[in-house]
Amino acid sequence: MKAAYFSEHGGLDTLTVGDLPDPELGPGDVRIRVEAAALNHLDLFVREGWPGLRLPLPHVGGTDLAGVVSEVGADVAGVRVGDAVLVNPGLNFEEDGDGRMVVPDEPDIVGETRWGGLAEQCVVPATHVVPKPDGWSWEEAAAVPLTSLTAMQMLRKADARAGDHVLVVGGGGGVAVMAIQLAKALGCTVYATTGGPEKVERVRELGADHVVDYKEDPDWWKTVYGASGKRGRDVVVDPVGQATWKHSLRTLRNGGRLVTCGATTGPVGETNIQLVFWKQLRILGSTMGTPRDLHDALRLMQEGRVRPVIDTVWSLDEVREAQARMEAGKQFGKIVVRP
């Protein structure tokens, strides 16, 4: 099969497009003819590598994908050849002490711990395919899974509810675009930051009530905090990390909650510890999400209250250019690759 893969960790120059053997099909698996795969920062991190990451090489990335089932394993029931599906990329879950399904300490993720969707084929457990909603394009279907379940899990962990004032930092990235819409669908008043007048207008179109252009307003956190009558926001969703961390904390009210799922601008954020204890803040980490999160997000989308947002579409041969666009932070919504 044709695939985008790397045989060593590193920069964009390690990424090769060429032929690899077809992935093996297990008894509980399905083989998918990939129609579209959407990029995530996780794809970049896996390609670059990190201490402790051990992958059999070569490796095929791509956490989000949608396509047509072309083969089913011997033990598969309920999924048939010809089904149009998207994939829930989180492959393992466990129950907590209260019987709730949670993401485990060592999650098994499509495109990270096993080959992903940047290829003509992908093999995944049959239990993790979801029917593609009628009327959706392949690009839209591929754009949904990881960002929607991640954003939904973040809002759940932060206990965001109707009437809350929620700030989403970095409007334009995939998780932020989804979090803005999901928070609005939950009945929250949504504030967002983004960079540039074009992105400001697009964030407003997503439903954000108040948008601040951090390029025009470097003291954006003061603007956000002041807009609340210096009360502060109930929840901050910050997938950006180092560049925004200390300022995100400043926008919270007493007892406010900051939830993060990533650090695309760097892993070391400055924290004013006095601010944390004096205002009794909660800082929450969130990774991936559960099948329930994806189910609930898809329901809101099928009700027309949330929509996938596509930035650009590239061919598999252009995967380096597509990943370079993500590295540069130029996208608004999801970058999609078509094999």
Protein backbone atom coordinates (compact mmCIF):
# COMPACT_ATOMS: atom_id res chain seq x y z
CA MET A 1 0.00 0.00 0.00
CA LYS A 2 1.01 3.63 -0.45
CA ALA A 3 1.64 5.41 2.84
CA ALA A 4 3.33 8.38 4.50
CA TYR A 5 5.81 6.99 7.01
CA PHE A 6 9.05 7.66 8.86
CA SER A 7 11.89 5.25 9.63
CA GLU A 8 13.53 7.50 12.23
CA HIS A 9 12.24 10.27 14.47
CA GLY A 10 12.91 13.85 13.47
CA GLY A 11 11.75 16.74 11.31
CA LEU A 12 9.71 16.90 8.16
CA ASP A 13 12.59 15.52 6.13
CA THR A 14 12.14 12.13 7.84
CA LEU A 15 8.67 11.78 6.30
CA THR A 16 8.56 9.57 3.20
CA VAL A 17 5.71 8.68 0.86
CA GLY A 18 6.14 5.21 -0.63
CA ASP A 19 5.02 1.59 -0.57
CA LEU A 20 4.75 -0.51 2.58
CA PRO A 21 3.30 -3.98 3.20
CA ASP A 22 -0.43 -4.02 3.92
CA PRO A 23 -1.13 -4.07 7.68
CA GLU A 24 -2.14 -7.49 9.03
CA LEU A 25 -5.79 -8.13 9.85
CA GLY A 26 -6.54 -9.71 13.24
CA PRO A 27 -9.70 -11.73 13.99
CA GLY A 28 -11.37 -8.79 15.70
CA ASP A 29 -10.21 -6.15 13.22
CA VAL A 30 -11.55 -4.43 10.14
CA ARG A 31 -9.55 -3.14 7.20
CA ILE A 32 -10.52 0.33 6.03
CA ARG A 33 -9.89 1.82 2.61
CA VAL A 34 -8.93 5.29 3.77
CA GLU A 35 -10.78 8.11 2.01
CA ALA A 36 -9.53 10.96 4.21
CA ALA A 37 -7.25 11.49 7.19
CA ALA A 38 -7.07 14.67 9.30
CA LEU A 39 -3.90 15.95 10.94
CA ASN A 40 -3.39 16.60 14.65
CA HIS A 41 -0.42 17.94 16.58
CA LEU A 42 -0.08 14.39 17.92
CA ASP A 43 1.06 13.35 14.43
CA LEU A 44 3.91 15.87 14.64
CA PHE A 45 4.88 14.82 18.17
CA VAL A 46 4.97 11.12 17.24
CA ARG A 47 7.09 11.84 14.18
CA GLU A 48 9.51 13.96 16.22
CA GLY A 49 9.57 11.45 19.10
CA TRP A 50 9.93 12.00 22.84
CA PRO A 51 11.88 10.33 25.66
CA GLY A 52 10.39 6.91 26.36
CA LEU A 53 8.52 6.58 23.07
CA ARG A 54 9.32 3.20 21.57
CA LEU A 55 7.78 2.43 18.21
CA PRO A 56 8.51 -0.33 15.73
CA LEU A 57 9.80 1.46 12.66
CA PRO A 58 8.82 2.32 10.00
CA HIS A 59 5.71 3.96 11.43
CA VAL A 60 2.59 5.34 9.76
CA GLY A 61 0.97 8.26 11.61
CA GLY A 62 -2.51 9.70 11.30
CA THR A 63 -4.91 9.56 14.25
CA ASP A 64 -8.11 10.71 12.51
CA LEU A 65 -9.49 8.86 9.51
CA ALA A 66 -12.63 7.90 7.65
CA GLY A 67 -13.23 5.42 4.88
CA VAL A 68 -14.94 2.26 3.64
CA VAL A 69 -14.62 -1.15 5.29
CA SER A 70 -12.93 -3.44 2.75
CA GLU A 71 -12.37 -6.57 4.88
CA VAL A 72 -13.49 -7.91 8.27
CA GLY A 73 -11.80 -10.33 10.64
CA ALA A 74 -13.16 -13.79 11.41
CA ASP A 75 -14.63 -12.78 14.78
CA VAL A 76 -16.21 -9.47 13.70
CA ALA A 77 -19.96 -8.98 14.05
CA GLY A 78 -22.02 -5.89 13.33
CA VAL A 79 -19.64 -4.35 10.77
CA ARG A 80 -19.80 -5.31 7.09
CA VAL A 81 -17.71 -4.84 4.00
CA GLY A 82 -18.89 -1.66 2.30
CA ASP A 83 -19.79 0.22 5.49
CA ALA A 84 -18.79 3.90 5.48
CA VAL A 85 -17.16 4.65 8.83
CA LEU A 86 -15.00 6.96 10.88
CA VAL A 87 -12.68 5.72 13.64
CA ASN A 88 -12.66 6.38 17.37
CA PRO A 89 -8.87 6.71 17.81
CA GLY A 90 -8.75 5.88 21.52
CA LEU A 91 -8.52 2.09 21.67
CA ASN A 92 -8.45 1.24 25.38
CA PHE A 93 -10.47 2.43 28.35
CA GLU A 94 -11.03 1.37 31.95
CA GLU A 95 -13.56 1.99 34.70
CA ASP A 96 -12.85 4.19 37.70
CA GLY A 97 -14.04 3.44 41.24
CA ASP A 98 -17.51 4.75 40.41
CA GLY A 99 -17.91 2.59 37.33
CA ARG A 100 -17.33 5.45 34.87
CA MET A 101 -15.31 4.84 31.72
CA VAL A 102 -12.05 6.81 31.78
CA VAL A 103 -8.89 7.14 29.70
CA PRO A 104 -6.19 4.85 31.16
CA ASP A 105 -2.70 5.87 32.24
CA GLU A 106 -1.21 4.42 29.04
CA PRO A 107 -3.71 5.00 26.23
CA ASP A 108 -3.54 2.97 23.04
CA ILE A 109 -4.06 5.40 20.16
CA VAL A 110 -4.40 4.97 16.41
CA GLY A 111 -1.46 6.64 14.70
CA GLU A 112 0.66 6.52 17.88
CA THR A 113 0.82 3.00 19.26
CA ARG A 114 -0.28 1.38 15.98
CA TRP A 115 -0.26 2.41 12.33
CA GLY A 116 -2.70 5.18 11.48
CA GLY A 117 -4.58 6.67 8.57
CA LEU A 118 -1.92 8.44 6.48
CA ALA A 119 -2.07 5.57 4.03
CA GLU A 120 -4.35 3.85 1.55
CA GLN A 121 -5.36 1.31 4.22
CA CYS A 122 -5.71 1.19 7.99
CA VAL A 123 -6.55 -1.73 10.27
CA VAL A 124 -8.36 -1.05 13.56
CA PRO A 125 -10.49 -3.04 16.02
CA ALA A 126 -14.05 -3.40 14.75
CA THR A 127 -15.30 -2.11 18.10
CA HIS A 128 -13.87 1.32 17.29
CA VAL A 129 -15.55 2.16 14.02
CA VAL A 130 -18.55 4.48 13.95
CA PRO A 131 -20.99 4.88 11.03
CA LYS A 132 -20.27 7.96 8.94
CA PRO A 133 -23.20 10.38 9.32
CA ASP A 134 -25.35 10.66 6.20
CA GLY A 135 -24.60 13.70 4.09
CA TRP A 136 -21.12 14.30 5.47
CA SER A 137 -18.16 14.49 3.14
CA TRP A 138 -15.17 12.27 3.76
CA GLU A 139 -13.18 15.32 4.79
CA GLU A 140 -15.79 16.28 7.40
CA ALA A 141 -15.95 12.73 8.77
CA ALA A 142 -12.17 12.53 9.15
CA ALA A 143 -12.05 15.95 10.82
CA VAL A 144 -14.27 14.99 13.73
CA PRO A 145 -13.01 12.22 16.05
CA LEU A 146 -9.97 13.32 18.07
CA THR A 147 -10.75 17.01 18.47
CA SER A 148 -14.41 16.46 19.31
CA LEU A 149 -13.88 13.81 21.96
CA THR A 150 -10.92 15.76 23.39
CA ALA A 151 -12.88 19.01 23.62
CA MET A 152 -15.93 17.27 25.08
CA GLN A 153 -13.82 15.54 27.73
CA MET A 154 -12.17 18.86 28.64
CA LEU A 155 -15.51 20.58 29.14
CA ARG A 156 -16.77 17.65 31.22
CA LYS A 157 -13.68 17.69 33.45
CA ALA A 158 -14.05 21.44 33.94
CA ASP A 159 -17.73 20.91 34.78
CA ALA A 160 -18.77 23.49 32.20
CA ARG A 161 -22.50 24.00 32.23
CA ALA A 162 -25.21 26.33 30.95
CA GLY A 163 -24.65 29.88 32.18
CA ASP A 164 -20.90 29.52 32.67
CA HIS A 165 -18.53 32.00 31.07
CA VAL A 166 -15.91 29.99 29.17
CA LEU A 167 -12.72 31.31 27.58
CA VAL A 168 -11.21 29.23 24.76
CA VAL A 169 -7.60 30.18 24.02
CA GLY A 170 -6.12 29.81 20.55
CA GLY A 171 -9.28 29.84 18.45
CA GLY A 172 -8.24 28.41 15.09
CA GLY A 173 -6.67 25.13 16.17
CA GLY A 174 -8.73 21.97 15.85
CA VAL A 175 -9.48 21.45 19.55
CA ALA A 176 -10.25 25.13 20.12
CA VAL A 177 -12.59 25.31 17.12
CA MET A 178 -14.50 22.34 18.50
CA ALA A 179 -14.45 23.58 22.12
CA ILE A 180 -15.95 26.94 21.12
CA GLN A 181 -18.88 25.23 19.43
CA LEU A 182 -19.42 22.59 22.10
CA ALA A 183 -19.35 25.15 24.92
CA LYS A 184 -21.90 27.25 23.06
CA ALA A 185 -24.08 24.18 22.49
CA LEU A 186 -23.95 23.50 26.25
CA GLY A 187 -25.40 26.95 26.90
CA CYS A 188 -22.21 28.76 27.94
CA THR A 189 -21.21 32.32 27.14
CA VAL A 190 -18.06 31.89 25.09
CA TYR A 191 -15.02 34.13 24.93
CA ALA A 192 -12.18 33.29 22.55
CA THR A 193 -8.76 34.54 21.52
CA THR A 194 -7.30 34.24 18.03
CA GLY A 195 -4.80 35.98 15.79
CA GLY A 196 -5.74 38.27 12.90
CA PRO A 197 -8.98 39.87 11.62
CA GLU A 198 -9.87 36.98 9.31
CA LYS A 199 -9.70 34.46 12.15
CA VAL A 200 -11.62 36.83 14.44
CA GLU A 201 -14.52 36.85 11.99
CA ARG A 202 -14.43 33.06 11.56
CA VAL A 203 -14.42 32.51 15.34
CA ARG A 204 -17.48 34.77 15.61
CA GLU A 205 -19.18 32.65 12.94
CA LEU A 206 -18.60 29.60 15.15
CA GLY A 207 -20.76 31.24 17.82
CA ALA A 208 -18.25 32.91 20.15
CA ASP A 209 -19.91 35.82 21.97
CA HIS A 210 -16.70 37.83 22.47
CA VAL A 211 -13.48 37.50 20.44
CA VAL A 212 -10.12 39.14 21.18
CA ASP A 213 -7.37 39.44 18.57
CA TYR A 214 -4.19 38.80 20.55
CA LYS A 215 -2.07 40.22 17.72
CA GLU A 216 -3.83 43.58 17.98
CA ASP A 217 -4.27 43.37 21.76
CA PRO A 218 -1.12 41.89 23.42
CA ASP A 219 -2.79 42.39 26.82
CA TRP A 220 -5.68 40.18 25.78
CA TRP A 221 -6.02 38.65 29.24
CA LYS A 222 -6.67 42.08 30.72
CA THR A 223 -9.37 42.68 28.13
CA VAL A 224 -11.00 39.31 28.87
CA TYR A 225 -10.81 39.84 32.62
CA GLY A 226 -12.08 43.42 32.38
CA ALA A 227 -15.03 42.36 30.25
CA SER A 228 -16.29 40.36 33.21
CA GLY A 229 -16.31 43.42 35.48
CA LYS A 230 -13.11 41.96 36.93
CA ARG A 231 -15.05 38.94 38.17
CA GLY A 232 -13.18 36.48 35.93
CA ARG A 233 -14.16 33.53 33.77
CA ASP A 234 -15.60 30.30 35.17
CA VAL A 235 -13.61 28.04 32.83
CA VAL A 236 -10.56 28.45 30.59
CA VAL A 237 -9.84 25.88 27.88
CA ASP A 238 -6.14 26.22 27.01
CA PRO A 239 -4.55 23.77 24.53
CA VAL A 240 -1.77 26.27 23.71
CA GLY A 241 0.55 25.89 26.71
CA GLN A 242 3.63 27.95 27.42
CA ALA A 243 2.75 31.11 25.45
CA THR A 244 -0.62 31.64 27.15
CA TRP A 245 -0.47 29.71 30.43
CA LYS A 246 0.24 32.44 33.00
CA HIS A 247 -2.22 34.81 31.34
CA SER A 248 -4.97 32.18 31.12
CA LEU A 249 -4.73 31.72 34.89
CA ARG A 250 -5.16 35.46 35.39
CA THR A 251 -8.52 35.49 33.61
CA LEU A 252 -10.18 33.07 36.06
CA ARG A 253 -12.61 33.97 38.81
CA ASN A 254 -12.27 32.77 42.38
CA GLY A 255 -12.80 29.01 42.20
CA GLY A 256 -12.35 28.99 38.43
CA ARG A 257 -11.11 25.99 36.46
CA LEU A 258 -8.37 25.85 33.82
CA VAL A 259 -8.28 22.69 31.71
CA THR A 260 -5.49 21.81 29.30
CA CYS A 261 -4.94 19.01 26.80
CA GLY A 262 -1.74 20.14 25.12
CA ALA A 263 1.22 22.46 24.93
CA THR A 264 1.70 23.31 21.28
CA THR A 265 3.87 26.35 22.10
CA GLY A 266 6.02 24.62 24.71
CA PRO A 267 5.66 22.47 27.84
CA VAL A 268 6.87 24.82 30.59
CA GLY A 269 4.31 27.40 31.70
CA GLU A 270 4.87 30.06 34.36
CA THR A 271 2.49 29.62 37.28
CA ASN A 272 1.87 32.22 39.97
CA ILE A 273 1.33 29.89 42.90
CA GLN A 274 -0.06 32.67 45.08
CA LEU A 275 -2.76 33.25 42.47
CA VAL A 276 -3.65 29.56 42.51
CA PHE A 277 -4.15 29.27 46.26
CA TRP A 278 -5.52 32.76 46.87
CA LYS A 279 -8.23 32.37 44.23
CA GLN A 280 -8.64 28.64 44.97
CA LEU A 281 -8.19 27.74 41.32
CA ARG A 282 -8.38 24.25 39.86
CA ILE A 283 -5.90 23.20 37.18
CA LEU A 284 -7.06 20.12 35.28
CA GLY A 285 -5.25 17.94 32.79
CA SER A 286 -7.14 16.08 30.09
CA THR A 287 -6.02 13.50 27.54
CA MET A 288 -8.17 12.10 24.74
CA GLY A 289 -11.75 11.20 25.67
CA THR A 290 -14.14 8.27 25.95
CA PRO A 291 -16.61 6.72 23.48
CA ARG A 292 -19.35 8.62 25.31
CA ASP A 293 -17.59 11.91 24.54
CA LEU A 294 -17.46 11.09 20.83
CA HIS A 295 -21.08 9.88 20.85
CA ASP A 296 -22.33 13.07 22.51
CA ALA A 297 -20.31 15.32 20.21
CA LEU A 298 -21.60 13.49 17.13
CA ARG A 299 -25.16 13.86 18.40
CA LEU A 300 -24.74 17.63 18.66
CA MET A 301 -23.30 17.70 15.15
CA GLN A 302 -26.16 15.69 13.70
CA GLU A 303 -28.54 18.12 15.40
CA GLY A 304 -26.78 20.92 13.51
CA ARG A 305 -25.47 22.63 16.65
CA VAL A 306 -21.79 21.87 15.98
CA ARG A 307 -20.03 21.40 12.64
CA PRO A 308 -16.67 20.14 11.41
CA VAL A 309 -14.45 22.93 10.09
CA ILE A 310 -12.03 22.13 7.25
CA ASP A 311 -8.96 24.28 6.74
CA THR A 312 -7.31 22.80 3.63
CA VAL A 313 -7.19 19.49 1.77
CA TRP A 314 -3.94 17.94 0.50
CA SER A 315 -2.95 14.81 -1.36
CA LEU A 316 -0.87 12.13 0.36
CA ASP A 317 2.09 13.20 -1.79
CA GLU A 318 1.78 16.66 -0.21
CA VAL A 319 1.84 15.41 3.39
CA ARG A 320 5.06 17.30 4.21
CA GLU A 321 3.49 20.59 3.10
CA ALA A 322 0.35 19.77 5.08
CA GLN A 323 2.32 19.07 8.27
CA ALA A 324 4.43 22.20 7.69
CA ARG A 325 1.21 24.25 7.64
CA MET A 326 0.23 22.79 11.00
CA GLU A 327 3.69 23.38 12.47
CA ALA A 328 3.46 27.04 11.42
CA GLY A 329 0.04 27.43 13.07
CA LYS A 330 -1.55 28.77 9.88
CA GLN A 331 -4.64 26.57 9.93
CA PHE A 332 -8.19 27.35 10.97
CA GLY A 333 -9.89 24.06 11.70
CA LYS A 334 -8.66 20.74 10.40
CA ILE A 335 -6.03 20.01 7.76
CA VAL A 336 -7.09 16.95 5.76
CA VAL A 337 -5.06 14.56 3.61
CA ARG A 338 -6.64 12.43 0.87
CA PRO A 339 -4.71 9.22 -0.04
